[in-house]
Amino acid sequence: MQRAKRRIATALTAIAGSLLLSLPLATTPAQAASHDPVVFVHGLSSDSSSWDSWIADFKADGYTSSELWAWSYDWTKSNVTTASQLSSYIQTVLSQTGASKVDLVVHSMGALNSRYYLKNLGGTSYVDDFVSVAGVNHGTSVASLCGWLYTSCKEMTTGSSFLTALNSGDETPGSVSYAAYWSNCDAAIDPDSSALLSGATDVGVGCISHTDMNDDYGVYQQVRDFIA
């Protein structure tokens, strides 16, 4: 009797095992992709709204509102002052998101205060990717028109003491991944080559105006892919 029971139990176990093998494997629910928070820094005579189009594009491509941070600052102040404020802002972003690093996407003069933060204020420890879009990295002759009025504009003038110090030595310090997007018909940056960065991935985007550079969908796609 006991032997018969054992045979039945063995048979049932085998049948149950074969049934389990034939069932589809349970799948783990897909998790939403996470990204480094993106901090957007505008340029001279602008504010955070200049990034509205790209923020909408990032959201359409899967970024959440909590991953997109457009920052406004007083562009009339020295880029040194702004860099210090940017440092504090990025620490706030990291604290609120729990992330260890951010991606910095900057336009025009925003490249100068952001690069000062990276080079002089320990920013390389907190930035994964840095993207300069039409950044005035080596100055522009156009800044002479407003250099007498605003410190920030004076610092953008080609050959200024601020730029000389900023561009001395390594222009792309730390383990940050750098990219610089530039246009060959940017009337705000003279010469056009001023937007390039030594040590960065320099990308010419064709003939796009200065104000359209951070509103252009084709440029957006390249920036999105670079920081992905």
C-alpha atoms as a PDB file:
ATOM      1  CA  MET A   1       0.000   0.000   0.000  1.00  0.00           C
ATOM      2  CA  GLN A   2       2.768   2.451   0.951  1.00  0.00           C
ATOM      3  CA  ARG A   3       4.655   1.554  -2.243  1.00  0.00           C
ATOM      4  CA  ALA A   4       1.560   2.364  -4.344  1.00  0.00           C
ATOM      5  CA  LYS A   5       1.132   5.712  -2.593  1.00  0.00           C
ATOM      6  CA  ARG A   6       4.766   6.587  -3.313  1.00  0.00           C
ATOM      7  CA  ARG A   7       4.301   5.720  -6.983  1.00  0.00           C
ATOM      8  CA  ILE A   8       1.211   7.927  -7.196  1.00  0.00           C
ATOM      9  CA  ALA A   9       3.023  10.823  -5.460  1.00  0.00           C
ATOM     10  CA  THR A  10       5.968  10.481  -7.840  1.00  0.00           C
ATOM     11  CA  ALA A  11       3.668  10.510 -10.844  1.00  0.00           C
ATOM     12  CA  LEU A  12       1.810  13.573  -9.602  1.00  0.00           C
ATOM     13  CA  THR A  13       5.089  15.413  -9.002  1.00  0.00           C
ATOM     14  CA  ALA A  14       6.252  14.640 -12.534  1.00  0.00           C
ATOM     15  CA  ILE A  15       2.949  15.843 -13.994  1.00  0.00           C
ATOM     16  CA  ALA A  16       3.074  19.067 -11.963  1.00  0.00           C
ATOM     17  CA  GLY A  17       6.656  19.691 -13.064  1.00  0.00           C
ATOM     18  CA  SER A  18       5.781  19.257 -16.734  1.00  0.00           C
ATOM     19  CA  LEU A  19       2.839  21.639 -16.347  1.00  0.00           C
ATOM     20  CA  LEU A  20       5.034  24.294 -14.763  1.00  0.00           C
ATOM     21  CA  LEU A  21       7.560  23.988 -17.580  1.00  0.00           C
ATOM     22  CA  SER A  22       4.816  24.488 -20.137  1.00  0.00           C
ATOM     23  CA  LEU A  23       3.525  27.679 -18.501  1.00  0.00           C
ATOM     24  CA  PRO A  24       4.901  31.048 -19.746  1.00  0.00           C
ATOM     25  CA  LEU A  25       7.533  32.507 -17.475  1.00  0.00           C
ATOM     26  CA  ALA A  26       6.373  35.418 -15.346  1.00  0.00           C
ATOM     27  CA  THR A  27       7.862  38.668 -16.536  1.00  0.00           C
ATOM     28  CA  THR A  28       9.039  41.516 -14.363  1.00  0.00           C
ATOM     29  CA  PRO A  29       7.114  44.723 -15.083  1.00  0.00           C
ATOM     30  CA  ALA A  30       9.197  47.102 -17.194  1.00  0.00           C
ATOM     31  CA  GLN A  31      10.767  49.857 -15.171  1.00  0.00           C
ATOM     32  CA  ALA A  32      10.770  53.427 -16.456  1.00  0.00           C
ATOM     33  CA  ALA A  33      14.191  54.472 -17.689  1.00  0.00           C
ATOM     34  CA  SER A  34      15.926  56.928 -15.404  1.00  0.00           C
ATOM     35  CA  HIS A  35      18.260  59.688 -16.480  1.00  0.00           C
ATOM     36  CA  ASP A  36      20.663  62.114 -14.905  1.00  0.00           C
ATOM     37  CA  PRO A  37      18.794  65.315 -14.074  1.00  0.00           C
ATOM     38  CA  VAL A  38      19.385  67.862 -16.833  1.00  0.00           C
ATOM     39  CA  VAL A  39      20.189  71.421 -15.726  1.00  0.00           C
ATOM     40  CA  PHE A  40      19.655  74.036 -18.447  1.00  0.00           C
ATOM     41  CA  VAL A  41      21.559  77.332 -18.262  1.00  0.00           C
ATOM     42  CA  HIS A  42      20.521  80.250 -20.477  1.00  0.00           C
ATOM     43  CA  GLY A  43      22.650  83.073 -21.815  1.00  0.00           C
ATOM     44  CA  LEU A  44      22.784  86.861 -21.915  1.00  0.00           C
ATOM     45  CA  SER A  45      19.491  88.761 -21.943  1.00  0.00           C
ATOM     46  CA  SER A  46      17.457  85.571 -21.527  1.00  0.00           C
ATOM     47  CA  ASP A  47      15.824  83.336 -18.923  1.00  0.00           C
ATOM     48  CA  SER A  48      14.764  79.745 -18.333  1.00  0.00           C
ATOM     49  CA  SER A  49      11.856  80.010 -20.784  1.00  0.00           C
ATOM     50  CA  SER A  50      14.355  79.845 -23.653  1.00  0.00           C
ATOM     51  CA  TRP A  51      14.455  76.084 -23.010  1.00  0.00           C
ATOM     52  CA  ASP A  52      10.704  75.474 -23.186  1.00  0.00           C
ATOM     53  CA  SER A  53      10.797  73.775 -26.594  1.00  0.00           C
ATOM     54  CA  TRP A  54      13.618  71.408 -25.685  1.00  0.00           C
ATOM     55  CA  ILE A  55      12.056  70.561 -22.339  1.00  0.00           C
ATOM     56  CA  ALA A  56       8.883  69.572 -24.179  1.00  0.00           C
ATOM     57  CA  ASP A  57      11.001  67.471 -26.550  1.00  0.00           C
ATOM     58  CA  PHE A  58      12.789  65.738 -23.662  1.00  0.00           C
ATOM     59  CA  LYS A  59       9.452  64.937 -22.049  1.00  0.00           C
ATOM     60  CA  ALA A  60       8.175  63.500 -25.313  1.00  0.00           C
ATOM     61  CA  ASP A  61      11.247  61.269 -25.359  1.00  0.00           C
ATOM     62  CA  GLY A  62      10.656  59.848 -21.893  1.00  0.00           C
ATOM     63  CA  TYR A  63      12.149  62.328 -19.445  1.00  0.00           C
ATOM     64  CA  THR A  64      10.052  63.304 -16.439  1.00  0.00           C
ATOM     65  CA  SER A  65       9.517  66.789 -15.058  1.00  0.00           C
ATOM     66  CA  SER A  66      11.659  65.898 -12.046  1.00  0.00           C
ATOM     67  CA  GLU A  67      14.586  65.208 -14.393  1.00  0.00           C
ATOM     68  CA  LEU A  68      14.459  68.593 -16.169  1.00  0.00           C
ATOM     69  CA  TRP A  69      15.637  71.749 -14.412  1.00  0.00           C
ATOM     70  CA  ALA A  70      15.682  75.091 -16.244  1.00  0.00           C
ATOM     71  CA  TRP A  71      17.437  77.730 -14.189  1.00  0.00           C
ATOM     72  CA  SER A  72      17.073  81.520 -14.332  1.00  0.00           C
ATOM     73  CA  TYR A  73      19.715  83.911 -13.006  1.00  0.00           C
ATOM     74  CA  ASP A  74      20.677  87.585 -13.161  1.00  0.00           C
ATOM     75  CA  TRP A  75      22.674  87.685 -16.404  1.00  0.00           C
ATOM     76  CA  THR A  76      23.967  91.200 -15.712  1.00  0.00           C
ATOM     77  CA  LYS A  77      26.221  89.932 -12.922  1.00  0.00           C
ATOM     78  CA  SER A  78      29.758  88.608 -13.288  1.00  0.00           C
ATOM     79  CA  ASN A  79      29.986  85.022 -14.493  1.00  0.00           C
ATOM     80  CA  VAL A  80      31.998  84.337 -11.353  1.00  0.00           C
ATOM     81  CA  THR A  81      29.006  85.305  -9.212  1.00  0.00           C
ATOM     82  CA  THR A  82      26.658  83.271 -11.391  1.00  0.00           C
ATOM     83  CA  ALA A  83      28.947  80.236 -11.219  1.00  0.00           C
ATOM     84  CA  SER A  84      28.744  80.279  -7.426  1.00  0.00           C
ATOM     85  CA  GLN A  85      24.951  80.456  -7.604  1.00  0.00           C
ATOM     86  CA  LEU A  86      24.920  77.616 -10.139  1.00  0.00           C
ATOM     87  CA  SER A  87      26.971  75.503  -7.759  1.00  0.00           C
ATOM     88  CA  SER A  88      24.353  75.964  -5.040  1.00  0.00           C
ATOM     89  CA  TYR A  89      21.520  75.272  -7.469  1.00  0.00           C
ATOM     90  CA  ILE A  90      23.061  71.997  -8.642  1.00  0.00           C
ATOM     91  CA  GLN A  91      23.474  70.861  -5.052  1.00  0.00           C
ATOM     92  CA  THR A  92      19.773  71.549  -4.552  1.00  0.00           C
ATOM     93  CA  VAL A  93      18.928  69.484  -7.655  1.00  0.00           C
ATOM     94  CA  LEU A  94      21.064  66.588  -6.426  1.00  0.00           C
ATOM     95  CA  SER A  95      19.516  66.757  -2.978  1.00  0.00           C
ATOM     96  CA  GLN A  96      15.956  66.782  -4.293  1.00  0.00           C
ATOM     97  CA  THR A  97      16.456  64.045  -6.895  1.00  0.00           C
ATOM     98  CA  GLY A  98      18.859  61.776  -5.032  1.00  0.00           C
ATOM     99  CA  ALA A  99      21.104  61.718  -8.100  1.00  0.00           C
ATOM    100  CA  SER A 100      24.887  61.792  -7.833  1.00  0.00           C
ATOM    101  CA  LYS A 101      25.472  63.838 -10.996  1.00  0.00           C
ATOM    102  CA  VAL A 102      23.651  66.089 -13.441  1.00  0.00           C
ATOM    103  CA  ASP A 103      23.977  66.800 -17.142  1.00  0.00           C
ATOM    104  CA  LEU A 104      24.614  70.476 -17.943  1.00  0.00           C
ATOM    105  CA  VAL A 105      23.121  71.855 -21.155  1.00  0.00           C
ATOM    106  CA  VAL A 106      24.001  75.498 -21.703  1.00  0.00           C
ATOM    107  CA  HIS A 107      23.515  78.233 -24.289  1.00  0.00           C
ATOM    108  CA  SER A 108      25.618  81.254 -25.232  1.00  0.00           C
ATOM    109  CA  MET A 109      27.055  83.006 -22.144  1.00  0.00           C
ATOM    110  CA  GLY A 110      25.779  80.134 -20.021  1.00  0.00           C
ATOM    111  CA  ALA A 111      28.858  78.263 -21.207  1.00  0.00           C
ATOM    112  CA  LEU A 112      31.118  80.711 -19.384  1.00  0.00           C
ATOM    113  CA  ASN A 113      29.594  80.597 -15.898  1.00  0.00           C
ATOM    114  CA  SER A 114      29.072  76.835 -16.218  1.00  0.00           C
ATOM    115  CA  ARG A 115      32.657  76.233 -17.297  1.00  0.00           C
ATOM    116  CA  TYR A 116      33.910  78.431 -14.442  1.00  0.00           C
ATOM    117  CA  TYR A 117      31.899  76.228 -12.081  1.00  0.00           C
ATOM    118  CA  LEU A 118      33.461  73.111 -13.584  1.00  0.00           C
ATOM    119  CA  LYS A 119      37.015  74.418 -13.551  1.00  0.00           C
ATOM    120  CA  ASN A 120      37.152  76.395 -10.318  1.00  0.00           C
ATOM    121  CA  LEU A 121      34.316  75.324  -8.028  1.00  0.00           C
ATOM    122  CA  GLY A 122      34.598  71.544  -8.048  1.00  0.00           C
ATOM    123  CA  GLY A 123      31.827  71.067 -10.576  1.00  0.00           C
ATOM    124  CA  THR A 124      33.527  68.154 -12.339  1.00  0.00           C
ATOM    125  CA  SER A 125      32.575  65.966  -9.368  1.00  0.00           C
ATOM    126  CA  TYR A 126      28.884  66.598  -9.948  1.00  0.00           C
ATOM    127  CA  VAL A 127      28.537  66.766 -13.745  1.00  0.00           C
ATOM    128  CA  ASP A 128      28.385  63.750 -16.045  1.00  0.00           C
ATOM    129  CA  ASP A 129      27.906  65.424 -19.452  1.00  0.00           C
ATOM    130  CA  PHE A 130      28.446  69.062 -20.434  1.00  0.00           C
ATOM    131  CA  VAL A 131      26.883  70.430 -23.611  1.00  0.00           C
ATOM    132  CA  SER A 132      27.689  73.891 -24.939  1.00  0.00           C
ATOM    133  CA  VAL A 133      25.153  75.122 -27.515  1.00  0.00           C
ATOM    134  CA  ALA A 134      26.443  78.222 -29.315  1.00  0.00           C
ATOM    135  CA  GLY A 135      28.644  78.866 -26.300  1.00  0.00           C
ATOM    136  CA  VAL A 136      30.805  81.983 -26.286  1.00  0.00           C
ATOM    137  CA  ASN A 137      33.736  79.880 -25.173  1.00  0.00           C
ATOM    138  CA  HIS A 138      36.522  82.064 -26.554  1.00  0.00           C
ATOM    139  CA  GLY A 139      34.729  85.380 -26.661  1.00  0.00           C
ATOM    140  CA  THR A 140      33.084  87.453 -29.345  1.00  0.00           C
ATOM    141  CA  SER A 141      33.747  90.864 -30.844  1.00  0.00           C
ATOM    142  CA  VAL A 142      30.030  91.605 -30.550  1.00  0.00           C
ATOM    143  CA  ALA A 143      30.384  91.828 -26.751  1.00  0.00           C
ATOM    144  CA  SER A 144      32.122  95.180 -27.134  1.00  0.00           C
ATOM    145  CA  LEU A 145      28.680  96.669 -27.760  1.00  0.00           C
ATOM    146  CA  CYS A 146      27.559  95.985 -24.194  1.00  0.00           C
ATOM    147  CA  GLY A 147      30.848  95.497 -22.356  1.00  0.00           C
ATOM    148  CA  TRP A 148      30.787  99.056 -21.057  1.00  0.00           C
ATOM    149  CA  LEU A 149      27.406  98.432 -19.402  1.00  0.00           C
ATOM    150  CA  TYR A 150      27.478  94.911 -17.935  1.00  0.00           C
ATOM    151  CA  THR A 151      30.292  93.013 -16.241  1.00  0.00           C
ATOM    152  CA  SER A 152      29.050  89.748 -17.737  1.00  0.00           C
ATOM    153  CA  CYS A 153      29.230  91.199 -21.234  1.00  0.00           C
ATOM    154  CA  LYS A 154      32.712  92.616 -20.661  1.00  0.00           C
ATOM    155  CA  GLU A 155      33.853  89.128 -19.651  1.00  0.00           C
ATOM    156  CA  MET A 156      32.626  87.803 -23.016  1.00  0.00           C
ATOM    157  CA  THR A 157      34.834  90.195 -24.962  1.00  0.00           C
ATOM    158  CA  THR A 158      37.573  88.404 -26.877  1.00  0.00           C
ATOM    159  CA  GLY A 159      40.815  88.542 -24.927  1.00  0.00           C
ATOM    160  CA  SER A 160      39.223  89.541 -21.604  1.00  0.00           C
ATOM    161  CA  SER A 161      41.080  88.607 -18.443  1.00  0.00           C
ATOM    162  CA  PHE A 162      38.151  86.370 -17.489  1.00  0.00           C
ATOM    163  CA  LEU A 163      38.397  84.354 -20.716  1.00  0.00           C
ATOM    164  CA  THR A 164      42.172  84.221 -20.621  1.00  0.00           C
ATOM    165  CA  ALA A 165      42.042  82.600 -17.184  1.00  0.00           C
ATOM    166  CA  LEU A 166      39.108  80.340 -18.042  1.00  0.00           C
ATOM    167  CA  ASN A 167      40.787  78.961 -21.170  1.00  0.00           C
ATOM    168  CA  SER A 168      44.264  78.584 -19.716  1.00  0.00           C
ATOM    169  CA  GLY A 169      45.417  74.997 -19.414  1.00  0.00           C
ATOM    170  CA  ASP A 170      42.754  72.323 -19.857  1.00  0.00           C
ATOM    171  CA  GLU A 171      39.519  73.623 -21.417  1.00  0.00           C
ATOM    172  CA  THR A 172      37.684  70.384 -20.644  1.00  0.00           C
ATOM    173  CA  PRO A 173      38.800  69.315 -17.158  1.00  0.00           C
ATOM    174  CA  GLY A 174      37.880  66.223 -15.210  1.00  0.00           C
ATOM    175  CA  SER A 175      36.112  63.058 -16.343  1.00  0.00           C
ATOM    176  CA  VAL A 176      33.142  64.999 -17.713  1.00  0.00           C
ATOM    177  CA  SER A 177      32.064  64.249 -21.305  1.00  0.00           C
ATOM    178  CA  TYR A 178      32.110  67.543 -23.228  1.00  0.00           C
ATOM    179  CA  ALA A 179      30.373  68.541 -26.461  1.00  0.00           C
ATOM    180  CA  ALA A 180      30.200  71.900 -28.232  1.00  0.00           C
ATOM    181  CA  TYR A 181      27.657  72.582 -30.962  1.00  0.00           C
ATOM    182  CA  TRP A 182      28.340  75.541 -33.229  1.00  0.00           C
ATOM    183  CA  SER A 183      26.913  77.258 -36.293  1.00  0.00           C
ATOM    184  CA  ASN A 184      28.841  78.645 -39.252  1.00  0.00           C
ATOM    185  CA  CYS A 185      26.534  81.669 -39.479  1.00  0.00           C
ATOM    186  CA  ASP A 186      26.078  82.683 -35.841  1.00  0.00           C
ATOM    187  CA  ALA A 187      26.015  86.487 -35.893  1.00  0.00           C
ATOM    188  CA  ALA A 188      26.356  86.711 -32.105  1.00  0.00           C
ATOM    189  CA  ILE A 189      29.652  84.806 -32.028  1.00  0.00           C
ATOM    190  CA  ASP A 190      32.507  86.328 -34.000  1.00  0.00           C
ATOM    191  CA  PRO A 191      34.464  84.407 -35.069  1.00  0.00           C
ATOM    192  CA  ASP A 192      32.281  81.300 -35.356  1.00  0.00           C
ATOM    193  CA  SER A 193      35.171  79.140 -34.171  1.00  0.00           C
ATOM    194  CA  SER A 194      34.940  80.772 -30.745  1.00  0.00           C
ATOM    195  CA  ALA A 195      32.218  78.276 -29.891  1.00  0.00           C
ATOM    196  CA  LEU A 196      34.584  75.299 -30.146  1.00  0.00           C
ATOM    197  CA  LEU A 197      36.216  73.718 -27.101  1.00  0.00           C
ATOM    198  CA  SER A 198      39.565  71.990 -27.063  1.00  0.00           C
ATOM    199  CA  GLY A 199      39.086  68.405 -25.884  1.00  0.00           C
ATOM    200  CA  ALA A 200      35.344  68.377 -26.557  1.00  0.00           C
ATOM    201  CA  THR A 201      33.290  66.685 -29.229  1.00  0.00           C
ATOM    202  CA  ASP A 202      32.896  69.721 -31.505  1.00  0.00           C
ATOM    203  CA  VAL A 203      29.901  69.496 -33.829  1.00  0.00           C
ATOM    204  CA  GLY A 204      29.067  71.899 -36.638  1.00  0.00           C
ATOM    205  CA  VAL A 205      25.307  72.074 -37.193  1.00  0.00           C
ATOM    206  CA  GLY A 206      25.238  74.188 -40.348  1.00  0.00           C
ATOM    207  CA  CYS A 207      23.652  77.592 -40.715  1.00  0.00           C
ATOM    208  CA  ILE A 208      21.405  78.154 -37.678  1.00  0.00           C
ATOM    209  CA  SER A 209      21.020  81.516 -35.967  1.00  0.00           C
ATOM    210  CA  HIS A 210      22.292  82.087 -32.449  1.00  0.00           C
ATOM    211  CA  THR A 211      18.840  82.364 -30.879  1.00  0.00           C
ATOM    212  CA  ASP A 212      17.539  79.338 -32.790  1.00  0.00           C
ATOM    213  CA  MET A 213      20.372  77.036 -31.724  1.00  0.00           C
ATOM    214  CA  ASN A 214      18.681  75.941 -28.492  1.00  0.00           C
ATOM    215  CA  ASP A 215      15.276  75.849 -30.148  1.00  0.00           C
ATOM    216  CA  ASP A 216      16.188  73.709 -33.145  1.00  0.00           C
ATOM    217  CA  TYR A 217      14.863  70.128 -33.167  1.00  0.00           C
ATOM    218  CA  GLY A 218      17.770  68.729 -35.161  1.00  0.00           C
ATOM    219  CA  VAL A 219      20.276  70.118 -32.659  1.00  0.00           C
ATOM    220  CA  TYR A 220      18.088  68.840 -29.841  1.00  0.00           C
ATOM    221  CA  GLN A 221      18.239  65.301 -31.193  1.00  0.00           C
ATOM    222  CA  GLN A 222      22.043  65.390 -31.250  1.00  0.00           C
ATOM    223  CA  VAL A 223      22.200  66.772 -27.716  1.00  0.00           C
ATOM    224  CA  ARG A 224      19.697  64.198 -26.465  1.00  0.00           C
ATOM    225  CA  ASP A 225      21.751  61.364 -27.968  1.00  0.00           C
ATOM    226  CA  PHE A 226      25.003  62.747 -26.538  1.00  0.00           C
ATOM    227  CA  ILE A 227      23.762  62.841 -22.935  1.00  0.00           C
ATOM    228  CA  ALA A 228      21.799  59.575 -23.155  1.00  0.00           C
END
